């Protein structure tokens, strides 16, 4: 039950004040045994949904947290899934209630609960195929925050001609924000930012080897960008997708007022 539903019931004398107070307080968080406190009201408070980071958690705990979140809000995003996490989800939820991305991210939904639609548009670009795990995390976050997404993968500067045609098509679509994930030397976000007139968020990815490995060279390169660029931490697909979706949703809201 959403806050507006509770207020409506109070107004229509369909709910006692004490009962309403209990519902509103429960919107803060729901404890899951002694392992988690699920922030079920985060989307209403910040515009960003509560998500489950599966990495470092037992598969059974991920399932229990997901059940609580789905019961409370209808949908939950789960990131950094391992094989055992995926197997536990598949054995605990109906297959039709799991929306898998290409790589390690999934949304678990209640029957008939669609993702929101805000009118925002976010583009997700990767330099290489090794960057897709992180990019898909960003794409799924933006999708769960109500944005349409465009994926353009494997267009790094080692083969610059691959990028040119895609950028022409991308400018026709007019995205509100762009996330660019790149490992190695991390050049692609700087290049993209120099070609478009919308905010670009660079995500350094922990690919590459030798000096500057694990995304460190990519991070420093993006921080030294000579074009205007926002940069998140190494492999921070969730943060990049959330930031891009916030921008896109703000732009979409402004468009709707025109």
C-alpha atoms as a PDB file:
ATOM      1  CA  UNK A   1       0.000   0.000   0.000  1.00  0.00           C
ATOM      2  CA  UNK A   2       1.381   3.415  -0.982  1.00  0.00           C
ATOM      3  CA  UNK A   3       1.276   6.561   1.147  1.00  0.00           C
ATOM      4  CA  UNK A   4      -1.411   8.178  -1.026  1.00  0.00           C
ATOM      5  CA  UNK A   5      -3.645   5.120  -0.523  1.00  0.00           C
ATOM      6  CA  UNK A   6      -3.272   5.378   3.246  1.00  0.00           C
ATOM      7  CA  UNK A   7      -4.056   9.107   3.240  1.00  0.00           C
ATOM      8  CA  UNK A   8      -7.097   8.488   1.051  1.00  0.00           C
ATOM      9  CA  UNK A   9      -8.410   5.858   3.458  1.00  0.00           C
ATOM     10  CA  UNK A  10      -7.948   8.209   6.413  1.00  0.00           C
ATOM     11  CA  UNK A  11      -9.795  10.976   4.551  1.00  0.00           C
ATOM     12  CA  UNK A  12     -12.672   8.622   3.769  1.00  0.00           C
ATOM     13  CA  UNK A  13     -12.791   7.265   7.332  1.00  0.00           C
ATOM     14  CA  UNK A  14     -11.839   3.819   6.069  1.00  0.00           C
ATOM     15  CA  UNK A  15      -8.791   3.439   8.325  1.00  0.00           C
ATOM     16  CA  UNK A  16      -8.103   4.221  11.975  1.00  0.00           C
ATOM     17  CA  UNK A  17      -5.287   6.654  12.736  1.00  0.00           C
ATOM     18  CA  UNK A  18      -3.351   4.070  14.740  1.00  0.00           C
ATOM     19  CA  UNK A  19      -3.537   1.561  11.889  1.00  0.00           C
ATOM     20  CA  UNK A  20      -2.415   4.196   9.392  1.00  0.00           C
ATOM     21  CA  UNK A  21       0.496   5.115  11.641  1.00  0.00           C
ATOM     22  CA  UNK A  22       1.602   1.484  11.670  1.00  0.00           C
ATOM     23  CA  UNK A  23       1.506   1.305   7.877  1.00  0.00           C
ATOM     24  CA  UNK A  24       3.469   4.539   7.482  1.00  0.00           C
ATOM     25  CA  UNK A  25       6.113   3.485   9.979  1.00  0.00           C
ATOM     26  CA  UNK A  26       6.521   0.179   8.149  1.00  0.00           C
ATOM     27  CA  UNK A  27       7.368   2.156   5.027  1.00  0.00           C
ATOM     28  CA  UNK A  28      10.696   3.027   6.621  1.00  0.00           C
ATOM     29  CA  UNK A  29      12.187  -0.458   6.532  1.00  0.00           C
ATOM     30  CA  UNK A  30      11.325  -4.088   7.073  1.00  0.00           C
ATOM     31  CA  UNK A  31      13.721  -6.307   9.040  1.00  0.00           C
ATOM     32  CA  UNK A  32      14.630  -9.667   7.525  1.00  0.00           C
ATOM     33  CA  UNK A  33      15.584 -11.985  10.372  1.00  0.00           C
ATOM     34  CA  UNK A  34      18.875 -10.652  11.763  1.00  0.00           C
ATOM     35  CA  UNK A  35      20.580 -10.173   8.388  1.00  0.00           C
ATOM     36  CA  UNK A  36      19.045  -7.089   6.774  1.00  0.00           C
ATOM     37  CA  UNK A  37      16.793  -4.050   7.098  1.00  0.00           C
ATOM     38  CA  UNK A  38      15.068  -3.585   3.741  1.00  0.00           C
ATOM     39  CA  UNK A  39      14.517   0.096   2.878  1.00  0.00           C
ATOM     40  CA  UNK A  40      11.164  -0.279   1.120  1.00  0.00           C
ATOM     41  CA  UNK A  41      10.442   3.465   1.047  1.00  0.00           C
ATOM     42  CA  UNK A  42      13.703   4.501  -0.643  1.00  0.00           C
ATOM     43  CA  UNK A  43      12.184   5.008  -4.102  1.00  0.00           C
ATOM     44  CA  UNK A  44       9.632   7.469  -2.699  1.00  0.00           C
ATOM     45  CA  UNK A  45      12.275   9.255  -0.625  1.00  0.00           C
ATOM     46  CA  UNK A  46      15.133   9.494  -3.128  1.00  0.00           C
ATOM     47  CA  UNK A  47      13.837   8.337  -6.518  1.00  0.00           C
ATOM     48  CA  UNK A  48      16.228   5.357  -6.421  1.00  0.00           C
ATOM     49  CA  UNK A  49      14.970   1.877  -5.607  1.00  0.00           C
ATOM     50  CA  UNK A  50      16.358  -0.367  -2.918  1.00  0.00           C
ATOM     51  CA  UNK A  51      18.531  -2.996  -4.612  1.00  0.00           C
ATOM     52  CA  UNK A  52      20.154  -6.184  -3.372  1.00  0.00           C
ATOM     53  CA  UNK A  53      23.893  -6.605  -3.820  1.00  0.00           C
ATOM     54  CA  UNK A  54      24.175 -10.399  -4.066  1.00  0.00           C
ATOM     55  CA  UNK A  55      27.966 -10.420  -3.938  1.00  0.00           C
ATOM     56  CA  UNK A  56      29.105 -11.530  -0.480  1.00  0.00           C
ATOM     57  CA  UNK A  57      25.650 -12.787   0.572  1.00  0.00           C
ATOM     58  CA  UNK A  58      24.471 -16.375   0.961  1.00  0.00           C
ATOM     59  CA  UNK A  59      22.030 -17.360  -1.803  1.00  0.00           C
ATOM     60  CA  UNK A  60      19.340 -18.191   0.772  1.00  0.00           C
ATOM     61  CA  UNK A  61      19.641 -14.723   2.309  1.00  0.00           C
ATOM     62  CA  UNK A  62      19.330 -13.084  -1.108  1.00  0.00           C
ATOM     63  CA  UNK A  63      16.102 -15.005  -1.709  1.00  0.00           C
ATOM     64  CA  UNK A  64      14.629 -14.029   1.681  1.00  0.00           C
ATOM     65  CA  UNK A  65      15.467 -10.340   1.193  1.00  0.00           C
ATOM     66  CA  UNK A  66      14.022 -10.464  -2.331  1.00  0.00           C
ATOM     67  CA  UNK A  67      10.756 -11.978  -1.067  1.00  0.00           C
ATOM     68  CA  UNK A  68      10.316  -9.160   1.464  1.00  0.00           C
ATOM     69  CA  UNK A  69      11.083  -6.447  -1.090  1.00  0.00           C
ATOM     70  CA  UNK A  70       8.780  -7.917  -3.735  1.00  0.00           C
ATOM     71  CA  UNK A  71       5.940  -8.295  -1.235  1.00  0.00           C
ATOM     72  CA  UNK A  72       6.330  -4.660  -0.159  1.00  0.00           C
ATOM     73  CA  UNK A  73       6.940  -2.877  -3.471  1.00  0.00           C
ATOM     74  CA  UNK A  74       6.234  -5.342  -6.301  1.00  0.00           C
ATOM     75  CA  UNK A  75       9.750  -5.361  -7.768  1.00  0.00           C
ATOM     76  CA  UNK A  76      13.357  -5.710  -6.654  1.00  0.00           C
ATOM     77  CA  UNK A  77      16.655  -5.384  -8.511  1.00  0.00           C
ATOM     78  CA  UNK A  78      19.464  -7.815  -7.676  1.00  0.00           C
ATOM     79  CA  UNK A  79      23.035  -7.118  -8.812  1.00  0.00           C
ATOM     80  CA  UNK A  80      26.353  -9.033  -8.912  1.00  0.00           C
ATOM     81  CA  UNK A  81      24.702 -12.436  -9.018  1.00  0.00           C
ATOM     82  CA  UNK A  82      26.775 -15.586  -8.919  1.00  0.00           C
ATOM     83  CA  UNK A  83      25.779 -18.997 -10.273  1.00  0.00           C
ATOM     84  CA  UNK A  84      24.474 -20.230  -6.914  1.00  0.00           C
ATOM     85  CA  UNK A  85      22.450 -17.036  -6.432  1.00  0.00           C
ATOM     86  CA  UNK A  86      20.849 -17.562  -9.849  1.00  0.00           C
ATOM     87  CA  UNK A  87      20.035 -21.182  -9.056  1.00  0.00           C
ATOM     88  CA  UNK A  88      18.414 -20.197  -5.737  1.00  0.00           C
ATOM     89  CA  UNK A  89      16.303 -17.517  -7.423  1.00  0.00           C
ATOM     90  CA  UNK A  90      15.158 -19.940 -10.116  1.00  0.00           C
ATOM     91  CA  UNK A  91      14.110 -22.503  -7.535  1.00  0.00           C
ATOM     92  CA  UNK A  92      12.310 -19.941  -5.328  1.00  0.00           C
ATOM     93  CA  UNK A  93      10.407 -17.792  -7.843  1.00  0.00           C
ATOM     94  CA  UNK A  94       8.260 -18.547 -10.874  1.00  0.00           C
ATOM     95  CA  UNK A  95      10.397 -18.197 -14.036  1.00  0.00           C
ATOM     96  CA  UNK A  96       7.961 -15.629 -15.404  1.00  0.00           C
ATOM     97  CA  UNK A  97       8.641 -13.404 -12.396  1.00  0.00           C
ATOM     98  CA  UNK A  98      12.381 -13.081 -13.042  1.00  0.00           C
ATOM     99  CA  UNK A  99      13.641 -10.642 -15.662  1.00  0.00           C
ATOM    100  CA  UNK A 100      17.252 -11.549 -16.429  1.00  0.00           C
ATOM    101  CA  UNK A 101      19.731  -9.195 -18.019  1.00  0.00           C
ATOM    102  CA  UNK A 102      22.519 -10.562 -20.182  1.00  0.00           C
ATOM    103  CA  UNK A 103      25.002 -10.507 -17.312  1.00  0.00           C
ATOM    104  CA  UNK A 104      24.692 -11.018 -13.522  1.00  0.00           C
ATOM    105  CA  UNK A 105      21.743  -8.681 -12.894  1.00  0.00           C
ATOM    106  CA  UNK A 106      18.046  -9.511 -12.542  1.00  0.00           C
ATOM    107  CA  UNK A 107      14.741  -8.004 -11.493  1.00  0.00           C
ATOM    108  CA  UNK A 108      12.337 -10.155  -9.488  1.00  0.00           C
ATOM    109  CA  UNK A 109       8.727  -9.004  -9.786  1.00  0.00           C
ATOM    110  CA  UNK A 110       5.312  -9.729  -8.369  1.00  0.00           C
ATOM    111  CA  UNK A 111       2.727 -10.981 -10.865  1.00  0.00           C
ATOM    112  CA  UNK A 112       1.630  -8.116 -13.087  1.00  0.00           C
ATOM    113  CA  UNK A 113       3.851  -5.443 -11.514  1.00  0.00           C
ATOM    114  CA  UNK A 114       5.446  -3.525 -14.405  1.00  0.00           C
ATOM    115  CA  UNK A 115       8.505  -1.332 -14.168  1.00  0.00           C
ATOM    116  CA  UNK A 116       7.645   2.377 -13.996  1.00  0.00           C
ATOM    117  CA  UNK A 117       7.749   4.533 -17.137  1.00  0.00           C
ATOM    118  CA  UNK A 118       8.969   8.116 -16.734  1.00  0.00           C
ATOM    119  CA  UNK A 119       9.747   9.126 -20.300  1.00  0.00           C
ATOM    120  CA  UNK A 120      13.470   9.414 -19.610  1.00  0.00           C
ATOM    121  CA  UNK A 121      15.974   7.966 -22.088  1.00  0.00           C
ATOM    122  CA  UNK A 122      19.441   6.695 -21.087  1.00  0.00           C
ATOM    123  CA  UNK A 123      22.111   5.372 -23.444  1.00  0.00           C
ATOM    124  CA  UNK A 124      24.627   2.782 -22.239  1.00  0.00           C
ATOM    125  CA  UNK A 125      27.884   2.424 -24.202  1.00  0.00           C
ATOM    126  CA  UNK A 126      30.847   0.100 -23.696  1.00  0.00           C
ATOM    127  CA  UNK A 127      34.341   0.154 -25.099  1.00  0.00           C
ATOM    128  CA  UNK A 128      34.654  -3.641 -25.169  1.00  0.00           C
ATOM    129  CA  UNK A 129      32.666  -6.800 -24.528  1.00  0.00           C
ATOM    130  CA  UNK A 130      34.563  -7.265 -21.243  1.00  0.00           C
ATOM    131  CA  UNK A 131      32.797  -4.143 -19.971  1.00  0.00           C
ATOM    132  CA  UNK A 132      29.269  -5.442 -20.535  1.00  0.00           C
ATOM    133  CA  UNK A 133      28.754  -6.888 -17.027  1.00  0.00           C
ATOM    134  CA  UNK A 134      29.116  -3.433 -15.498  1.00  0.00           C
ATOM    135  CA  UNK A 135      27.178  -1.770 -18.328  1.00  0.00           C
ATOM    136  CA  UNK A 136      24.237  -4.153 -17.930  1.00  0.00           C
ATOM    137  CA  UNK A 137      24.084  -3.355 -14.227  1.00  0.00           C
ATOM    138  CA  UNK A 138      23.792   0.335 -15.139  1.00  0.00           C
ATOM    139  CA  UNK A 139      21.208  -0.391 -17.844  1.00  0.00           C
ATOM    140  CA  UNK A 140      18.988  -2.462 -15.543  1.00  0.00           C
ATOM    141  CA  UNK A 141      19.110   0.211 -12.838  1.00  0.00           C
ATOM    142  CA  UNK A 142      18.035   2.894 -15.311  1.00  0.00           C
ATOM    143  CA  UNK A 143      15.266   0.603 -16.565  1.00  0.00           C
ATOM    144  CA  UNK A 144      13.991  -0.052 -13.036  1.00  0.00           C
ATOM    145  CA  UNK A 145      13.972   3.713 -12.424  1.00  0.00           C
ATOM    146  CA  UNK A 146      11.565   4.110 -15.330  1.00  0.00           C
ATOM    147  CA  UNK A 147      13.847   4.994 -18.225  1.00  0.00           C
ATOM    148  CA  UNK A 148      13.940   3.585 -21.717  1.00  0.00           C
ATOM    149  CA  UNK A 149      17.484   2.429 -22.478  1.00  0.00           C
ATOM    150  CA  UNK A 150      19.666   2.161 -25.568  1.00  0.00           C
ATOM    151  CA  UNK A 151      22.614  -0.273 -25.495  1.00  0.00           C
ATOM    152  CA  UNK A 152      25.639   0.267 -27.747  1.00  0.00           C
ATOM    153  CA  UNK A 153      28.365  -2.258 -26.988  1.00  0.00           C
ATOM    154  CA  UNK A 154      31.928  -2.898 -28.185  1.00  0.00           C
ATOM    155  CA  UNK A 155      32.726   0.434 -29.860  1.00  0.00           C
ATOM    156  CA  UNK A 156      36.059   1.274 -28.202  1.00  0.00           C
ATOM    157  CA  UNK A 157      38.658   3.620 -29.640  1.00  0.00           C
ATOM    158  CA  UNK A 158      40.909   0.775 -30.823  1.00  0.00           C
ATOM    159  CA  UNK A 159      38.440   0.592 -33.721  1.00  0.00           C
ATOM    160  CA  UNK A 160      37.151   4.157 -33.799  1.00  0.00           C
ATOM    161  CA  UNK A 161      35.165   3.577 -36.998  1.00  0.00           C
ATOM    162  CA  UNK A 162      32.765   1.363 -35.010  1.00  0.00           C
ATOM    163  CA  UNK A 163      31.768   4.339 -32.883  1.00  0.00           C
ATOM    164  CA  UNK A 164      31.127   6.883 -35.648  1.00  0.00           C
ATOM    165  CA  UNK A 165      27.991   5.345 -37.166  1.00  0.00           C
ATOM    166  CA  UNK A 166      26.544   4.516 -33.758  1.00  0.00           C
ATOM    167  CA  UNK A 167      26.994   8.099 -32.567  1.00  0.00           C
ATOM    168  CA  UNK A 168      25.095   9.428 -35.582  1.00  0.00           C
ATOM    169  CA  UNK A 169      22.188   7.097 -34.794  1.00  0.00           C
ATOM    170  CA  UNK A 170      22.403   7.967 -31.106  1.00  0.00           C
ATOM    171  CA  UNK A 171      22.134  11.701 -31.757  1.00  0.00           C
ATOM    172  CA  UNK A 172      18.906  11.035 -33.681  1.00  0.00           C
ATOM    173  CA  UNK A 173      17.459   9.329 -30.571  1.00  0.00           C
ATOM    174  CA  UNK A 174      18.450  12.270 -28.308  1.00  0.00           C
ATOM    175  CA  UNK A 175      19.159  10.510 -24.985  1.00  0.00           C
ATOM    176  CA  UNK A 176      18.906  12.550 -21.790  1.00  0.00           C
ATOM    177  CA  UNK A 177      22.094  11.060 -20.309  1.00  0.00           C
ATOM    178  CA  UNK A 178      24.797   8.611 -21.387  1.00  0.00           C
ATOM    179  CA  UNK A 179      26.756   6.049 -19.370  1.00  0.00           C
ATOM    180  CA  UNK A 180      30.066   4.957 -20.913  1.00  0.00           C
ATOM    181  CA  UNK A 181      31.890   1.942 -19.434  1.00  0.00           C
ATOM    182  CA  UNK A 182      35.524   1.353 -20.375  1.00  0.00           C
ATOM    183  CA  UNK A 183      38.497  -0.548 -19.007  1.00  0.00           C
ATOM    184  CA  UNK A 184      42.142  -0.519 -20.106  1.00  0.00           C
ATOM    185  CA  UNK A 185      43.092   3.142 -20.654  1.00  0.00           C
ATOM    186  CA  UNK A 186      39.489   4.350 -20.283  1.00  0.00           C
ATOM    187  CA  UNK A 187      39.486   6.732 -23.260  1.00  0.00           C
ATOM    188  CA  UNK A 188      35.989   6.218 -24.646  1.00  0.00           C
ATOM    189  CA  UNK A 189      33.986   8.370 -22.161  1.00  0.00           C
ATOM    190  CA  UNK A 190      36.193  11.376 -22.943  1.00  0.00           C
ATOM    191  CA  UNK A 191      35.645  10.906 -26.679  1.00  0.00           C
ATOM    192  CA  UNK A 192      31.879  10.498 -26.343  1.00  0.00           C
ATOM    193  CA  UNK A 193      31.625  13.518 -24.057  1.00  0.00           C
ATOM    194  CA  UNK A 194      33.383  15.592 -26.708  1.00  0.00           C
ATOM    195  CA  UNK A 195      30.753  14.654 -29.316  1.00  0.00           C
ATOM    196  CA  UNK A 196      27.409  15.124 -27.518  1.00  0.00           C
ATOM    197  CA  UNK A 197      25.539  17.877 -25.674  1.00  0.00           C
ATOM    198  CA  UNK A 198      24.101  15.747 -22.849  1.00  0.00           C
ATOM    199  CA  UNK A 199      25.651  14.640 -19.527  1.00  0.00           C
ATOM    200  CA  UNK A 200      28.083  11.717 -19.781  1.00  0.00           C
ATOM    201  CA  UNK A 201      28.951   9.464 -16.836  1.00  0.00           C
ATOM    202  CA  UNK A 202      32.178   7.504 -17.161  1.00  0.00           C
ATOM    203  CA  UNK A 203      32.527   4.105 -15.485  1.00  0.00           C
ATOM    204  CA  UNK A 204      36.071   2.734 -15.208  1.00  0.00           C
ATOM    205  CA  UNK A 205      35.982  -1.059 -15.459  1.00  0.00           C
ATOM    206  CA  UNK A 206      38.464  -3.424 -13.820  1.00  0.00           C
ATOM    207  CA  UNK A 207      39.699  -4.981 -17.049  1.00  0.00           C
ATOM    208  CA  UNK A 208      43.247  -4.741 -18.355  1.00  0.00           C
ATOM    209  CA  UNK A 209      46.537  -5.987 -16.962  1.00  0.00           C
ATOM    210  CA  UNK A 210      50.038  -4.909 -15.968  1.00  0.00           C
ATOM    211  CA  UNK A 211      50.644  -1.358 -14.749  1.00  0.00           C
ATOM    212  CA  UNK A 212      47.345   0.366 -14.106  1.00  0.00           C
ATOM    213  CA  UNK A 213      45.384  -2.896 -13.927  1.00  0.00           C
ATOM    214  CA  UNK A 214      42.057  -3.460 -12.113  1.00  0.00           C
ATOM    215  CA  UNK A 215      40.575  -0.259 -13.533  1.00  0.00           C
ATOM    216  CA  UNK A 216      43.079   2.125 -11.941  1.00  0.00           C
ATOM    217  CA  UNK A 217      44.460   3.457 -15.237  1.00  0.00           C
ATOM    218  CA  UNK A 218      40.920   3.872 -16.598  1.00  0.00           C
ATOM    219  CA  UNK A 219      39.850   5.762 -13.472  1.00  0.00           C
ATOM    220  CA  UNK A 220      42.782   8.167 -13.578  1.00  0.00           C
ATOM    221  CA  UNK A 221      42.345   8.700 -17.313  1.00  0.00           C
ATOM    222  CA  UNK A 222      38.678   9.613 -16.891  1.00  0.00           C
ATOM    223  CA  UNK A 223      39.449  11.924 -13.979  1.00  0.00           C
ATOM    224  CA  UNK A 224      41.962  13.724 -16.223  1.00  0.00           C
ATOM    225  CA  UNK A 225      39.463  14.081 -19.074  1.00  0.00           C
ATOM    226  CA  UNK A 226      39.800  17.268 -21.101  1.00  0.00           C
ATOM    227  CA  UNK A 227      36.079  17.096 -22.021  1.00  0.00           C
ATOM    228  CA  UNK A 228      33.397  17.611 -19.364  1.00  0.00           C
ATOM    229  CA  UNK A 229      32.738  14.264 -17.721  1.00  0.00           C
ATOM    230  CA  UNK A 230      31.361  12.889 -14.463  1.00  0.00           C
ATOM    231  CA  UNK A 231      33.162   9.790 -13.176  1.00  0.00           C
ATOM    232  CA  UNK A 232      32.047   7.113 -10.713  1.00  0.00           C
ATOM    233  CA  UNK A 233      34.132   4.533  -8.907  1.00  0.00           C
ATOM    234  CA  UNK A 234      35.617   1.442 -10.547  1.00  0.00           C
ATOM    235  CA  UNK A 235      32.899  -1.040 -11.631  1.00  0.00           C
ATOM    236  CA  UNK A 236      30.172   1.167 -10.073  1.00  0.00           C
ATOM    237  CA  UNK A 237      27.481   0.333 -12.614  1.00  0.00           C
ATOM    238  CA  UNK A 238      24.673   0.781 -10.097  1.00  0.00           C
ATOM    239  CA  UNK A 239      25.793   4.301  -9.208  1.00  0.00           C
ATOM    240  CA  UNK A 240      26.248   5.302 -12.853  1.00  0.00           C
ATOM    241  CA  UNK A 241      22.858   3.952 -13.875  1.00  0.00           C
ATOM    242  CA  UNK A 242      21.139   5.651 -10.937  1.00  0.00           C
ATOM    243  CA  UNK A 243      22.809   8.997 -11.633  1.00  0.00           C
ATOM    244  CA  UNK A 244      21.968   8.840 -15.340  1.00  0.00           C
ATOM    245  CA  UNK A 245      18.354   7.906 -14.589  1.00  0.00           C
ATOM    246  CA  UNK A 246      18.007  10.754 -12.099  1.00  0.00           C
ATOM    247  CA  UNK A 247      19.138  13.182 -14.790  1.00  0.00           C
ATOM    248  CA  UNK A 248      16.874  11.615 -17.410  1.00  0.00           C
ATOM    249  CA  UNK A 249      13.850  11.567 -15.126  1.00  0.00           C
ATOM    250  CA  UNK A 250      14.358  15.212 -14.184  1.00  0.00           C
ATOM    251  CA  UNK A 251      14.564  16.143 -17.879  1.00  0.00           C
ATOM    252  CA  UNK A 252      11.469  14.040 -18.663  1.00  0.00           C
ATOM    253  CA  UNK A 253       9.517  15.748 -15.889  1.00  0.00           C
ATOM    254  CA  UNK A 254      10.494  19.156 -17.285  1.00  0.00           C
ATOM    255  CA  UNK A 255       9.405  18.051 -20.786  1.00  0.00           C
ATOM    256  CA  UNK A 256       6.020  17.009 -19.483  1.00  0.00           C
ATOM    257  CA  UNK A 257       5.416  20.535 -18.153  1.00  0.00           C
ATOM    258  CA  UNK A 258       6.087  22.171 -21.537  1.00  0.00           C
END
